[in-house]
PDB file of N, CA and C in Angstrom:
ATOM      1  N   MET A   1      71.456 101.874  85.187  1.00  0.00           N
ATOM      2  CA  MET A   1      71.661 101.352  86.516  1.00  0.00           C
ATOM      3  C   MET A   1      70.363 101.456  87.310  1.00  0.00           C
ATOM      4  N   LYS A   2      70.032 100.402  88.025  1.00  0.00           N
ATOM      5  CA  LYS A   2      68.832 100.424  88.847  1.00  0.00           C
ATOM      6  C   LYS A   2      69.094 101.208  90.131  1.00  0.00           C
ATOM      7  N   LYS A   3      68.089 101.870  90.591  1.00  0.00           N
ATOM      8  CA  LYS A   3      68.210 102.655  91.824  1.00  0.00           C
ATOM      9  C   LYS A   3      68.030 101.759  93.042  1.00  0.00           C
ATOM     10  N   ASP A   4      68.716 102.116  94.114  1.00  0.00           N
ATOM     11  CA  ASP A   4      68.558 101.515  95.443  1.00  0.00           C
ATOM     12  C   ASP A   4      68.937 100.035  95.534  1.00  0.00           C
ATOM     13  N   ILE A   5      69.738  99.517  94.622  1.00  0.00           N
ATOM     14  CA  ILE A   5      70.194  98.130  94.773  1.00  0.00           C
ATOM     15  C   ILE A   5      71.695  98.041  95.018  1.00  0.00           C
ATOM     16  N   HIS A   6      72.404  99.137  94.837  1.00  0.00           N
ATOM     17  CA  HIS A   6      73.851  99.148  95.002  1.00  0.00           C
ATOM     18  C   HIS A   6      74.228  99.669  96.386  1.00  0.00           C
ATOM     19  N   PRO A   7      75.261  99.107  97.003  1.00  0.00           N
ATOM     20  CA  PRO A   7      75.686  99.614  98.319  1.00  0.00           C
ATOM     21  C   PRO A   7      76.348 100.987  98.173  1.00  0.00           C
ATOM     22  N   ASN A   8      76.387 101.711  99.257  1.00  0.00           N
ATOM     23  CA  ASN A   8      77.021 103.033  99.251  1.00  0.00           C
ATOM     24  C   ASN A   8      78.526 102.887  99.109  1.00  0.00           C
ATOM     25  N   TYR A   9      79.100 103.658  98.216  1.00  0.00           N
ATOM     26  CA  TYR A   9      80.535 103.661  97.954  1.00  0.00           C
ATOM     27  C   TYR A   9      81.092 104.931  98.568  1.00  0.00           C
ATOM     28  N   GLU A  10      81.848 104.800  99.651  1.00  0.00           N
ATOM     29  CA  GLU A  10      82.306 105.974 100.386  1.00  0.00           C
ATOM     30  C   GLU A  10      83.748 105.812 100.838  1.00  0.00           C
ATOM     31  N   LYS A  11      84.332 106.910 101.310  1.00  0.00           N
ATOM     32  CA  LYS A  11      85.709 106.874 101.809  1.00  0.00           C
ATOM     33  C   LYS A  11      85.758 106.056 103.092  1.00  0.00           C
ATOM     34  N   THR A  12      86.785 105.204 103.178  1.00  0.00           N
ATOM     35  CA  THR A  12      86.939 104.297 104.315  1.00  0.00           C
ATOM     36  C   THR A  12      88.351 104.405 104.839  1.00  0.00           C
ATOM     37  N   THR A  13      88.503 104.268 106.143  1.00  0.00           N
ATOM     38  CA  THR A  13      89.812 104.285 106.772  1.00  0.00           C
ATOM     39  C   THR A  13      90.300 102.856 106.924  1.00  0.00           C
ATOM     40  N   VAL A  14      91.513 102.604 106.410  1.00  0.00           N
ATOM     41  CA  VAL A  14      92.145 101.292 106.546  1.00  0.00           C
ATOM     42  C   VAL A  14      93.251 101.427 107.574  1.00  0.00           C
ATOM     43  N   THR A  15      93.230 100.543 108.593  1.00  0.00           N
ATOM     44  CA  THR A  15      94.229 100.579 109.647  1.00  0.00           C
ATOM     45  C   THR A  15      95.001  99.268 109.642  1.00  0.00           C
ATOM     46  N   CYS A  16      96.318  99.360 109.554  1.00  0.00           N
ATOM     47  CA  CYS A  16      97.182  98.185 109.563  1.00  0.00           C
ATOM     48  C   CYS A  16      97.654  97.914 110.988  1.00  0.00           C
ATOM     49  N   SER A  17      98.030  96.679 111.263  1.00  0.00           N
ATOM     50  CA  SER A  17      98.524  96.345 112.597  1.00  0.00           C
ATOM     51  C   SER A  17      99.858  97.028 112.898  1.00  0.00           C
ATOM     52  N   CYS A  18     100.566  97.480 111.861  1.00  0.00           N
ATOM     53  CA  CYS A  18     101.834  98.191 112.078  1.00  0.00           C
ATOM     54  C   CYS A  18     101.603  99.648 112.475  1.00  0.00           C
ATOM     55  N   GLY A  19     100.350 100.117 112.354  1.00  0.00           N
ATOM     56  CA  GLY A  19     100.036 101.484 112.730  1.00  0.00           C
ATOM     57  C   GLY A  19      99.784 102.395 111.542  1.00  0.00           C
ATOM     58  N   ASN A  20     100.029 101.931 110.346  1.00  0.00           N
ATOM     59  CA  ASN A  20      99.806 102.722 109.149  1.00  0.00           C
ATOM     60  C   ASN A  20      98.305 102.888 108.925  1.00  0.00           C
ATOM     61  N   VAL A  21      97.882 104.128 108.650  1.00  0.00           N
ATOM     62  CA  VAL A  21      96.470 104.424 108.406  1.00  0.00           C
ATOM     63  C   VAL A  21      96.378 105.161 107.079  1.00  0.00           C
ATOM     64  N   PHE A  22      95.446 104.732 106.217  1.00  0.00           N
ATOM     65  CA  PHE A  22      95.244 105.414 104.947  1.00  0.00           C
ATOM     66  C   PHE A  22      93.783 105.296 104.541  1.00  0.00           C
ATOM     67  N   GLU A  23      93.377 106.132 103.588  1.00  0.00           N
ATOM     68  CA  GLU A  23      91.990 106.156 103.144  1.00  0.00           C
ATOM     69  C   GLU A  23      91.868 105.556 101.754  1.00  0.00           C
ATOM     70  N   VAL A  24      90.794 104.802 101.560  1.00  0.00           N
ATOM     71  CA  VAL A  24      90.448 104.241 100.258  1.00  0.00           C
ATOM     72  C   VAL A  24      88.933 104.357 100.100  1.00  0.00           C
ATOM     73  N   ASN A  25      88.451 104.094  98.916  1.00  0.00           N
ATOM     74  CA  ASN A  25      87.011 104.041  98.690  1.00  0.00           C
ATOM     75  C   ASN A  25      86.562 102.603  98.791  1.00  0.00           C
ATOM     76  N   SER A  26      85.475 102.363  99.510  1.00  0.00           N
ATOM     77  CA  SER A  26      84.984 101.012  99.711  1.00  0.00           C
ATOM     78  C   SER A  26      83.510 101.040 100.073  1.00  0.00           C
ATOM     79  N   THR A  27      82.887  99.872 100.046  1.00  0.00           N
ATOM     80  CA  THR A  27      81.489  99.759 100.450  1.00  0.00           C
ATOM     81  C   THR A  27      81.358  99.437 101.931  1.00  0.00           C
ATOM     82  N   THR A  28      82.460  99.133 102.590  1.00  0.00           N
ATOM     83  CA  THR A  28      82.430  98.844 104.027  1.00  0.00           C
ATOM     84  C   THR A  28      83.031 100.008 104.798  1.00  0.00           C
ATOM     85  N   LYS A  29      82.713 100.059 106.067  1.00  0.00           N
ATOM     86  CA  LYS A  29      83.280 101.114 106.924  1.00  0.00           C
ATOM     87  C   LYS A  29      84.713 100.726 107.288  1.00  0.00           C
ATOM     88  N   ASP A  30      85.168 101.097 108.433  1.00  0.00           N
ATOM     89  CA  ASP A  30      86.560 100.908 108.850  1.00  0.00           C
ATOM     90  C   ASP A  30      87.047  99.480 108.600  1.00  0.00           C
ATOM     91  N   ILE A  31      88.246  99.387 107.994  1.00  0.00           N
ATOM     92  CA  ILE A  31      88.839  98.095 107.658  1.00  0.00           C
ATOM     93  C   ILE A  31      90.124  97.914 108.457  1.00  0.00           C
ATOM     94  N   GLN A  32      90.289  96.744 109.065  1.00  0.00           N
ATOM     95  CA  GLN A  32      91.505  96.387 109.805  1.00  0.00           C
ATOM     96  C   GLN A  32      92.262  95.341 108.989  1.00  0.00           C
ATOM     97  N   VAL A  33      93.546  95.567 108.726  1.00  0.00           N
ATOM     98  CA  VAL A  33      94.368  94.603 108.000  1.00  0.00           C
ATOM     99  C   VAL A  33      95.588  94.243 108.832  1.00  0.00           C
ATOM    100  N   GLU A  34      96.144  93.063 108.575  1.00  0.00           N
ATOM    101  CA  GLU A  34      97.320  92.620 109.320  1.00  0.00           C
ATOM    102  C   GLU A  34      98.622  93.109 108.700  1.00  0.00           C
ATOM    103  N   ILE A  35      98.621  93.294 107.389  1.00  0.00           N
ATOM    104  CA  ILE A  35      99.853  93.692 106.704  1.00  0.00           C
ATOM    105  C   ILE A  35      99.499  94.623 105.552  1.00  0.00           C
ATOM    106  N   CYS A  36     100.343  95.617 105.323  1.00  0.00           N
ATOM    107  CA  CYS A  36     100.109  96.577 104.243  1.00  0.00           C
ATOM    108  C   CYS A  36     101.414  96.800 103.478  1.00  0.00           C
ATOM    109  N   SER A  37     101.371  97.684 102.520  1.00  0.00           N
ATOM    110  CA  SER A  37     102.570  97.936 101.715  1.00  0.00           C
ATOM    111  C   SER A  37     103.677  98.620 102.519  1.00  0.00           C
ATOM    112  N   ALA A  38     103.334  99.235 103.632  1.00  0.00           N
ATOM    113  CA  ALA A  38     104.343  99.905 104.465  1.00  0.00           C
ATOM    114  C   ALA A  38     105.152  98.913 105.302  1.00  0.00           C
ATOM    115  N   CYS A  39     104.577  97.736 105.587  1.00  0.00           N
ATOM    116  CA  CYS A  39     105.278  96.786 106.450  1.00  0.00           C
ATOM    117  C   CYS A  39     105.532  95.432 105.777  1.00  0.00           C
ATOM    118  N   HIS A  40     105.021  95.223 104.570  1.00  0.00           N
ATOM    119  CA  HIS A  40     105.231  93.946 103.888  1.00  0.00           C
ATOM    120  C   HIS A  40     106.684  93.848 103.419  1.00  0.00           C
ATOM    121  N   PRO A  41     107.354  92.713 103.677  1.00  0.00           N
ATOM    122  CA  PRO A  41     108.767  92.573 103.327  1.00  0.00           C
ATOM    123  C   PRO A  41     109.065  92.784 101.841  1.00  0.00           C
ATOM    124  N   TYR A  42     108.151  92.427 100.959  1.00  0.00           N
ATOM    125  CA  TYR A  42     108.393  92.601  99.529  1.00  0.00           C
ATOM    126  C   TYR A  42     108.521  94.078  99.178  1.00  0.00           C
ATOM    127  N   PHE A  43     107.670  94.897  99.742  1.00  0.00           N
ATOM    128  CA  PHE A  43     107.662  96.324  99.416  1.00  0.00           C
ATOM    129  C   PHE A  43     108.708  97.114 100.200  1.00  0.00           C
ATOM    130  N   THR A  44     109.128  96.619 101.359  1.00  0.00           N
ATOM    131  CA  THR A  44     110.109  97.344 102.156  1.00  0.00           C
ATOM    132  C   THR A  44     111.548  97.010 101.757  1.00  0.00           C
ATOM    133  N   GLY A  45     111.733  95.954 100.957  1.00  0.00           N
ATOM    134  CA  GLY A  45     113.077  95.566 100.535  1.00  0.00           C
ATOM    135  C   GLY A  45     113.791  94.711 101.556  1.00  0.00           C
ATOM    136  N   LYS A  46     113.095  94.257 102.578  1.00  0.00           N
ATOM    137  CA  LYS A  46     113.695  93.424 103.609  1.00  0.00           C
ATOM    138  C   LYS A  46     113.249  91.974 103.462  1.00  0.00           C
ATOM    139  N   GLU A  47     112.997  91.575 102.211  1.00  0.00           N
ATOM    140  CA  GLU A  47     112.522  90.228 101.946  1.00  0.00           C
ATOM    141  C   GLU A  47     113.618  89.214 102.247  1.00  0.00           C
ATOM    142  N   LYS A  48     113.259  88.165 102.956  1.00  0.00           N
ATOM    143  CA  LYS A  48     114.200  87.113 103.292  1.00  0.00           C
ATOM    144  C   LYS A  48     113.622  85.783 102.839  1.00  0.00           C
ATOM    145  N   LEU A  49     114.450  84.980 102.225  1.00  0.00           N
ATOM    146  CA  LEU A  49     114.023  83.645 101.849  1.00  0.00           C
ATOM    147  C   LEU A  49     114.315  82.721 103.023  1.00  0.00           C
ATOM    148  N   ILE A  50     113.308  82.012 103.458  1.00  0.00           N
ATOM    149  CA  ILE A  50     113.453  81.128 104.611  1.00  0.00           C
ATOM    150  C   ILE A  50     113.392  79.691 104.133  1.00  0.00           C
ATOM    151  N   ASP A  51     114.390  78.921 104.494  1.00  0.00           N
ATOM    152  CA  ASP A  51     114.442  77.511 104.146  1.00  0.00           C
ATOM    153  C   ASP A  51     113.638  76.749 105.189  1.00  0.00           C
ATOM    154  N   THR A  52     112.430  76.385 104.840  1.00  0.00           N
ATOM    155  CA  THR A  52     111.538  75.717 105.780  1.00  0.00           C
ATOM    156  C   THR A  52     111.893  74.246 105.878  1.00  0.00           C
ATOM    157  N   ALA A  53     112.276  73.820 107.051  1.00  0.00           N
ATOM    158  CA  ALA A  53     112.570  72.416 107.369  1.00  0.00           C
ATOM    159  C   ALA A  53     113.649  71.832 106.468  1.00  0.00           C
ATOM    160  N   GLY A  54     114.596  72.638 106.044  1.00  0.00           N
ATOM    161  CA  GLY A  54     115.726  72.132 105.266  1.00  0.00           C
ATOM    162  C   GLY A  54     115.347  71.601 103.903  1.00  0.00           C
ATOM    163  N   ARG A  55     114.331  72.145 103.269  1.00  0.00           N
ATOM    164  CA  ARG A  55     113.868  71.643 101.974  1.00  0.00           C
ATOM    165  C   ARG A  55     114.936  71.773 100.901  1.00  0.00           C
ATOM    166  N   VAL A  56     115.672  72.865 100.922  1.00  0.00           N
ATOM    167  CA  VAL A  56     116.722  73.050  99.926  1.00  0.00           C
ATOM    168  C   VAL A  56     117.822  72.004 100.140  1.00  0.00           C
ATOM    169  N   ASP A  57     118.185  71.766 101.381  1.00  0.00           N
ATOM    170  CA  ASP A  57     119.203  70.756 101.673  1.00  0.00           C
ATOM    171  C   ASP A  57     118.739  69.364 101.260  1.00  0.00           C
ATOM    172  N   LYS A  58     117.462  69.055 101.499  1.00  0.00           N
ATOM    173  CA  LYS A  58     116.922  67.758 101.084  1.00  0.00           C
ATOM    174  C   LYS A  58     116.968  67.613  99.568  1.00  0.00           C
ATOM    175  N   PHE A  59     116.630  68.684  98.854  1.00  0.00           N
ATOM    176  CA  PHE A  59     116.668  68.652  97.398  1.00  0.00           C
ATOM    177  C   PHE A  59     118.090  68.442  96.896  1.00  0.00           C
ATOM    178  N   LYS A  60     119.037  69.182  97.467  1.00  0.00           N
ATOM    179  CA  LYS A  60     120.437  69.030  97.053  1.00  0.00           C
ATOM    180  C   LYS A  60     120.939  67.621  97.332  1.00  0.00           C
ATOM    181  N   ALA A  61     120.521  67.018  98.439  1.00  0.00           N
ATOM    182  CA  ALA A  61     120.922  65.648  98.769  1.00  0.00           C
ATOM    183  C   ALA A  61     120.350  64.662  97.747  1.00  0.00           C
ATOM    184  N   ARG A  62     119.099  64.858  97.338  1.00  0.00           N
ATOM    185  CA  ARG A  62     118.495  63.983  96.327  1.00  0.00           C
ATOM    186  C   ARG A  62     119.215  64.094  95.000  1.00  0.00           C
ATOM    187  N   VAL A  63     119.571  65.314  94.609  1.00  0.00           N
ATOM    188  CA  VAL A  63     120.279  65.526  93.342  1.00  0.00           C
ATOM    189  C   VAL A  63     121.652  64.873  93.397  1.00  0.00           C
ATOM    190  N   ALA A  64     122.340  65.020  94.500  1.00  0.00           N
ATOM    191  CA  ALA A  64     123.665  64.413  94.654  1.00  0.00           C
ATOM    192  C   ALA A  64     123.560  62.891  94.607  1.00  0.00           C
ATOM    193  N   ALA A  65     122.539  62.323  95.262  1.00  0.00           N
ATOM    194  CA  ALA A  65     122.353  60.866  95.243  1.00  0.00           C
ATOM    195  C   ALA A  65     122.038  60.383  93.835  1.00  0.00           C
ATOM    196  N   ALA A  66     121.241  61.131  93.093  1.00  0.00           N
ATOM    197  CA  ALA A  66     120.907  60.749  91.717  1.00  0.00           C
ATOM    198  C   ALA A  66     122.147  60.781  90.832  1.00  0.00           C
ATOM    199  N   GLU A  67     122.975  61.806  90.994  1.00  0.00           N
ATOM    200  CA  GLU A  67     124.205  61.897  90.202  1.00  0.00           C
ATOM    201  C   GLU A  67     125.159  60.756  90.555  1.00  0.00           C
ATOM    202  N   LYS A  68     125.237  60.424  91.828  1.00  0.00           N
ATOM    203  CA  LYS A  68     126.102  59.324  92.262  1.00  0.00           C
ATOM    204  C   LYS A  68     125.601  58.004  91.680  1.00  0.00           C
ATOM    205  N   PHE A  69     124.276  57.801  91.695  1.00  0.00           N
ATOM    206  CA  PHE A  69     123.692  56.584  91.140  1.00  0.00           C
ATOM    207  C   PHE A  69     123.943  56.511  89.640  1.00  0.00           C
ATOM    208  N   LYS A  70     123.793  57.642  88.958  1.00  0.00           N
ATOM    209  CA  LYS A  70     124.003  57.681  87.513  1.00  0.00           C
ATOM    210  C   LYS A  70     125.466  57.382  87.178  1.00  0.00           C
ATOM    211  N   ALA A  71     126.400  57.948  87.950  1.00  0.00           N
ATOM    212  CA  ALA A  71     127.823  57.714  87.726  1.00  0.00           C
ATOM    213  C   ALA A  71     128.165  56.252  87.981  1.00  0.00           C
ATOM    214  N   LYS A  72     127.584  55.662  89.026  1.00  0.00           N
ATOM    215  CA  LYS A  72     127.832  54.260  89.340  1.00  0.00           C
ATOM    216  C   LYS A  72     127.302  53.360  88.235  1.00  0.00           C
ATOM    217  N   LYS A  73     126.134  53.684  87.713  1.00  0.00           N
ATOM    218  CA  LYS A  73     125.516  52.883  86.662  1.00  0.00           C
ATOM    219  C   LYS A  73     126.333  52.952  85.368  1.00  0.00           C
ATOM    220  N   THR A  74     126.862  54.118  85.033  1.00  0.00           N
ATOM    221  CA  THR A  74     127.654  54.244  83.807  1.00  0.00           C
ATOM    222  C   THR A  74     128.980  53.494  83.933  1.00  0.00           C
ATOM    223  N   THR A  75     129.585  53.477  85.118  1.00  0.00           N
ATOM    224  CA  THR A  75     130.838  52.728  85.289  1.00  0.00           C
ATOM    225  C   THR A  75     130.577  51.218  85.251  1.00  0.00           C
ATOM    226  N   GLU A  76     129.419  50.779  85.745  1.00  0.00           N
ATOM    227  CA  GLU A  76     129.074  49.354  85.677  1.00  0.00           C
ATOM    228  C   GLU A  76     128.853  48.938  84.233  1.00  0.00           C
ATOM    229  N   ASN A  77     128.246  49.800  83.435  1.00  0.00           N
ATOM    230  CA  ASN A  77     128.014  49.496  82.022  1.00  0.00           C
ATOM    231  C   ASN A  77     129.322  49.451  81.243  1.00  0.00           C
ATOM    232  N   LYS A  78     130.287  50.258  81.616  1.00  0.00           N
ATOM    233  CA  LYS A  78     131.592  50.266  80.943  1.00  0.00           C
ATOM    234  C   LYS A  78     132.374  49.001  81.274  1.00  0.00           C
ATOM    235  N   ASP A  79     132.234  48.508  82.516  1.00  0.00           N
ATOM    236  CA  ASP A  79     132.945  47.311  82.941  1.00  0.00           C
ATOM    237  C   ASP A  79     132.397  46.063  82.273  1.00  0.00           C
ATOM    238  N   SER A  80     131.155  46.054  81.896  1.00  0.00           N
ATOM    239  CA  SER A  80     130.524  44.853  81.315  1.00  0.00           C
ATOM    240  C   SER A  80     130.918  44.625  79.893  1.00  0.00           C
TER     241      SER A  80
END
């Protein structure tokens, strides 16, 4: 390893917007984060699936329309 080309690796304080503070090793000084494992929904078990702009409903409507079209087409083929 070459001397004097690597940054200093030292203990750093990480502060989350939720108020959680913990120490890690890093090359930067104090680190501010918006979300951490203490407040992230995945890690807290409070994860919620949000249907953005009714995407699931739109998908279900498309599937229903496709099935209706397919059923109509098969009955037309049987009549011919």
